[in-house]
Amino acid sequence: MNDINPRDPLHGVTLERIVTELVDQFGWEVLGQRIPIRCFTHDPSVKSSLRFLRKTPWAREKVEGLYLSSMRDRSGNPL
């Protein structure tokens, strides 16, 4: 049976794309204020953030949630 949910708004979106788009939209400083994790607040980089987020499910969930929220805000349509 196919476990992929075709209505999953994150389907096909890489974590790298999510982090990059959030940094482009908010910048590191604001991103670190919205999600206060060290990889966003102290010497941030996409590479270090990806390493941390891949190992830390709760942080990844927060980042994905912010990404979905920002996508809704930009499009005006619920995902």
Protein backbone atom coordinates (compact mmCIF):
# COMPACT_ATOMS: atom_id res chain seq x y z
CA MET A 1 0.00 0.00 0.00
CA ASN A 2 1.24 3.49 -0.82
CA ASP A 3 2.15 5.47 2.33
CA ILE A 4 2.56 8.80 0.54
CA ASN A 5 -0.26 11.23 1.18
CA PRO A 6 -0.95 13.10 -2.07
CA ARG A 7 -2.43 16.01 -0.07
CA ASP A 8 0.70 16.46 2.03
CA PRO A 9 1.83 20.04 1.31
CA LEU A 10 5.43 19.12 2.13
CA HIS A 11 5.56 16.22 -0.33
CA GLY A 12 8.54 16.75 -2.62
CA VAL A 13 9.86 19.78 -0.69
CA THR A 14 13.37 19.24 0.64
CA LEU A 15 14.44 20.41 4.07
CA GLU A 16 17.16 22.47 2.39
CA ARG A 17 14.54 24.30 0.33
CA ILE A 18 12.43 24.92 3.44
CA VAL A 19 15.36 26.41 5.39
CA THR A 20 16.57 28.46 2.42
CA GLU A 21 13.13 29.93 1.76
CA LEU A 22 12.61 30.77 5.42
CA VAL A 23 16.00 32.50 5.58
CA ASP A 24 15.17 34.42 2.39
CA GLN A 25 11.81 35.46 3.79
CA PHE A 26 12.73 36.24 7.42
CA GLY A 27 16.52 36.39 7.68
CA TRP A 28 18.53 34.52 10.30
CA GLU A 29 17.84 37.00 13.11
CA VAL A 30 14.04 36.87 12.82
CA LEU A 31 14.11 33.12 12.19
CA GLY A 32 16.11 32.71 15.41
CA GLN A 33 13.55 34.81 17.27
CA ARG A 34 10.61 32.80 15.92
CA ILE A 35 12.30 29.45 16.53
CA PRO A 36 14.96 29.98 19.20
CA ILE A 37 17.38 27.18 18.44
CA ARG A 38 21.13 27.58 18.47
CA CYS A 39 21.64 26.69 14.80
CA PHE A 40 19.60 29.82 13.91
CA THR A 41 21.01 32.18 16.55
CA HIS A 42 24.76 31.46 16.79
CA ASP A 43 26.85 31.55 13.61
CA PRO A 44 23.95 30.27 11.46
CA SER A 45 24.35 28.53 8.12
CA VAL A 46 22.11 26.35 6.00
CA LYS A 47 24.55 23.45 6.34
CA SER A 48 24.69 23.51 10.15
CA SER A 49 20.93 24.00 10.37
CA LEU A 50 20.26 21.00 8.13
CA ARG A 51 22.60 18.83 10.19
CA PHE A 52 20.77 19.77 13.40
CA LEU A 53 17.24 19.57 12.00
CA ARG A 54 17.79 16.12 10.50
CA LYS A 55 18.78 14.81 13.94
CA THR A 56 16.16 16.67 15.98
CA PRO A 57 12.54 15.83 15.12
CA TRP A 58 10.91 18.42 17.42
CA ALA A 59 12.94 21.25 15.85
CA ARG A 60 12.22 20.02 12.34
CA GLU A 61 8.49 20.00 13.13
CA LYS A 62 8.68 23.63 14.26
CA VAL A 63 10.53 24.65 11.09
CA GLU A 64 8.08 22.77 8.86
CA GLY A 65 5.18 24.36 10.74
CA LEU A 66 6.59 27.85 10.23
CA TYR A 67 7.17 27.09 6.54
CA LEU A 68 3.57 25.93 6.07
CA SER A 69 2.28 28.96 7.95
CA SER A 70 4.36 31.32 5.84
CA MET A 71 3.17 29.60 2.65
CA ARG A 72 -0.45 30.09 3.74
CA ASP A 73 0.21 33.73 4.53
CA ARG A 74 1.88 34.38 1.18
CA SER A 75 -0.71 32.62 -0.94
CA GLY A 76 -3.79 33.50 1.05
CA ASN A 77 -4.98 29.93 0.51
CA PRO A 78 -4.95 27.24 3.19
CA LEU A 79 -2.68 24.30 2.38
